[in-house]
Amino acid sequence: MVLHAHTTKAALLVALTLALAACGKQDEQPAASTPAAASAPAFPTGNGDKPTTLADCDKLPDPKPADDSAAGRAAAVGQGQAARAACKKEVTAQQDKPNADLARIREIKEKEQADQANRKISEQEWGKRLNEGANKPIKEYKY
């Protein structure tokens, strides 16, 4: 009985330590995720009425250069081009998704039609074999 009591106390102590550590971690996580969200490129998402188009992606400005040097300006232009390319890629992916769904539906329908055609042919073959079998004489068994 003493061993069981010590085991229970140890398990509670470990659980309490883990719970306190988890509470401390929750406070630190939102602060760490805020800078990552700030550095993410902002794509125009469009309003509820208007979806984003490729023309909207072309209008994205270059970020401000870190300094006035040629390297800083070139880096800003490169980042702007990368952001526009990523925006265009996302817009085309959104536009291609319904087309991909339609293509998938078309493939399924064509497969079903092919299966029906194969089934029709096999039914015709079955009918031919049935007629051939009906035309053959039946063997008579004498006991």
Protein backbone atom coordinates (compact mmCIF):
# COMPACT_ATOMS: atom_id res chain seq x y z
CA MET A 1 0.00 0.00 0.00
CA VAL A 2 2.88 2.38 0.74
CA LEU A 3 4.38 1.75 -2.70
CA HIS A 4 1.06 2.62 -4.34
CA ALA A 5 0.83 5.90 -2.40
CA HIS A 6 4.38 6.89 -3.37
CA THR A 7 3.70 6.09 -7.04
CA THR A 8 0.53 8.19 -6.99
CA LYS A 9 2.35 11.12 -5.38
CA ALA A 10 5.15 10.93 -7.95
CA ALA A 11 2.69 10.81 -10.85
CA LEU A 12 0.81 13.84 -9.48
CA LEU A 13 4.07 15.74 -9.02
CA VAL A 14 5.13 15.02 -12.62
CA ALA A 15 1.66 15.98 -13.96
CA LEU A 16 1.71 19.24 -11.98
CA THR A 17 5.19 20.09 -13.30
CA LEU A 18 4.11 19.43 -16.88
CA ALA A 19 0.95 21.51 -16.44
CA LEU A 20 2.94 24.47 -15.10
CA ALA A 21 5.46 24.17 -17.93
CA ALA A 22 2.67 24.08 -20.49
CA CYS A 23 1.07 27.21 -19.03
CA GLY A 24 4.37 29.07 -19.29
CA LYS A 25 4.85 27.96 -22.92
CA GLN A 26 1.44 29.28 -23.98
CA ASP A 27 2.38 32.81 -22.95
CA GLU A 28 5.60 32.73 -25.00
CA GLN A 29 4.15 31.31 -28.24
CA PRO A 30 1.98 34.27 -29.36
CA ALA A 31 4.88 36.67 -28.93
CA ALA A 32 7.09 34.45 -31.10
CA SER A 33 4.48 34.05 -33.83
CA THR A 34 3.85 37.79 -34.23
CA PRO A 35 7.15 38.65 -36.02
CA ALA A 36 6.70 35.72 -38.39
CA ALA A 37 3.27 37.00 -39.37
CA ALA A 38 4.64 40.50 -39.91
CA SER A 39 7.36 39.27 -42.29
CA ALA A 40 4.91 37.26 -44.44
CA PRO A 41 4.11 38.90 -47.80
CA ALA A 42 0.67 40.44 -47.97
CA PHE A 43 -1.26 39.38 -51.07
CA PRO A 44 -4.42 41.16 -52.08
CA THR A 45 -7.21 38.85 -51.04
CA GLY A 46 -10.01 40.71 -52.74
CA ASN A 47 -13.38 41.58 -51.26
CA GLY A 48 -16.16 39.11 -50.77
CA ASP A 49 -17.68 40.32 -54.05
CA LYS A 50 -14.47 40.57 -56.09
CA PRO A 51 -11.93 37.76 -56.27
CA THR A 52 -8.28 38.63 -56.78
CA THR A 53 -7.16 38.73 -60.41
CA LEU A 54 -3.80 38.58 -62.11
CA ALA A 55 -4.00 42.34 -62.70
CA ASP A 56 -4.19 42.89 -58.94
CA CYS A 57 -0.99 40.88 -58.53
CA ASP A 58 0.79 43.10 -61.07
CA LYS A 59 -0.12 46.17 -59.00
CA LEU A 60 1.70 44.94 -55.89
CA PRO A 61 4.40 47.48 -54.95
CA ASP A 62 8.03 46.66 -54.24
CA PRO A 63 8.94 46.76 -50.54
CA LYS A 64 10.94 49.74 -49.31
CA PRO A 65 14.69 49.17 -49.62
CA ALA A 66 16.65 48.76 -46.42
CA ASP A 67 19.17 51.40 -47.55
CA ASP A 68 19.79 53.68 -50.54
CA SER A 69 22.53 51.52 -52.00
CA ALA A 70 22.12 49.76 -55.31
CA ALA A 71 22.22 46.38 -53.60
CA GLY A 72 19.42 47.38 -51.22
CA ARG A 73 17.24 48.64 -54.07
CA ALA A 74 17.96 45.52 -56.13
CA ALA A 75 17.02 43.29 -53.18
CA ALA A 76 13.74 45.20 -52.76
CA VAL A 77 12.94 44.84 -56.47
CA GLY A 78 13.74 41.12 -56.29
CA GLN A 79 11.47 40.69 -53.28
CA GLY A 80 8.69 42.57 -55.09
CA GLN A 81 9.04 40.35 -58.16
CA ALA A 82 8.98 37.25 -55.98
CA ALA A 83 5.85 38.48 -54.20
CA ARG A 84 4.11 39.19 -57.52
CA ALA A 85 5.08 35.76 -58.87
CA ALA A 86 3.79 34.04 -55.72
CA CYS A 87 0.53 36.02 -55.93
CA LYS A 88 0.06 35.05 -59.58
CA LYS A 89 0.77 31.42 -58.77
CA GLU A 90 -1.85 31.42 -56.03
CA VAL A 91 -4.45 33.13 -58.23
CA THR A 92 -3.93 30.66 -61.07
CA ALA A 93 -4.13 27.78 -58.59
CA GLN A 94 -7.48 29.12 -57.36
CA GLN A 95 -8.70 29.45 -60.92
CA ASP A 96 -7.47 25.99 -61.93
CA LYS A 97 -9.15 24.22 -59.02
CA PRO A 98 -12.68 24.34 -60.49
CA ASN A 99 -11.27 23.29 -63.87
CA ALA A 100 -9.51 20.36 -62.22
CA ASP A 101 -12.78 19.35 -60.57
CA LEU A 102 -14.57 19.46 -63.92
CA ALA A 103 -11.80 17.41 -65.52
CA ARG A 104 -12.07 14.81 -62.75
CA ILE A 105 -15.86 14.63 -63.18
CA ARG A 106 -15.39 14.24 -66.94
CA GLU A 107 -12.91 11.38 -66.40
CA ILE A 108 -15.32 9.59 -64.08
CA LYS A 109 -18.18 9.98 -66.55
CA GLU A 110 -16.07 8.70 -69.45
CA LYS A 111 -15.01 5.69 -67.38
CA GLU A 112 -18.63 4.92 -66.51
CA GLN A 113 -19.62 5.17 -70.18
CA ALA A 114 -16.76 2.83 -71.16
CA ASP A 115 -17.85 0.34 -68.49
CA GLN A 116 -21.44 0.48 -69.78
CA ALA A 117 -20.23 -0.10 -73.35
CA ASN A 118 -18.12 -3.08 -72.23
CA ARG A 119 -21.06 -4.46 -70.29
CA LYS A 120 -23.30 -4.10 -73.35
CA ILE A 121 -20.80 -6.03 -75.47
CA SER A 122 -20.51 -8.77 -72.87
CA GLU A 123 -24.33 -9.01 -72.72
CA GLN A 124 -24.39 -9.42 -76.50
CA GLU A 125 -21.73 -12.14 -76.29
CA TRP A 126 -23.73 -13.86 -73.57
CA GLY A 127 -26.83 -13.79 -75.78
CA LYS A 128 -24.91 -15.24 -78.73
CA ARG A 129 -23.52 -18.06 -76.60
CA LEU A 130 -26.97 -18.74 -75.18
CA ASN A 131 -28.38 -19.06 -78.71
CA GLU A 132 -25.50 -21.31 -79.77
CA GLY A 133 -26.08 -23.52 -76.76
CA ALA A 134 -29.81 -23.66 -77.44
CA ASN A 135 -29.18 -24.81 -81.02
CA LYS A 136 -26.93 -27.70 -79.99
CA PRO A 137 -28.66 -31.01 -79.39
CA ILE A 138 -29.13 -32.18 -75.86
CA LYS A 139 -27.47 -35.43 -74.91
CA GLU A 140 -29.84 -38.11 -73.82
CA TYR A 141 -28.80 -40.12 -70.87
CA LYS A 142 -30.29 -43.59 -70.60
CA TYR A 143 -30.37 -45.39 -67.33
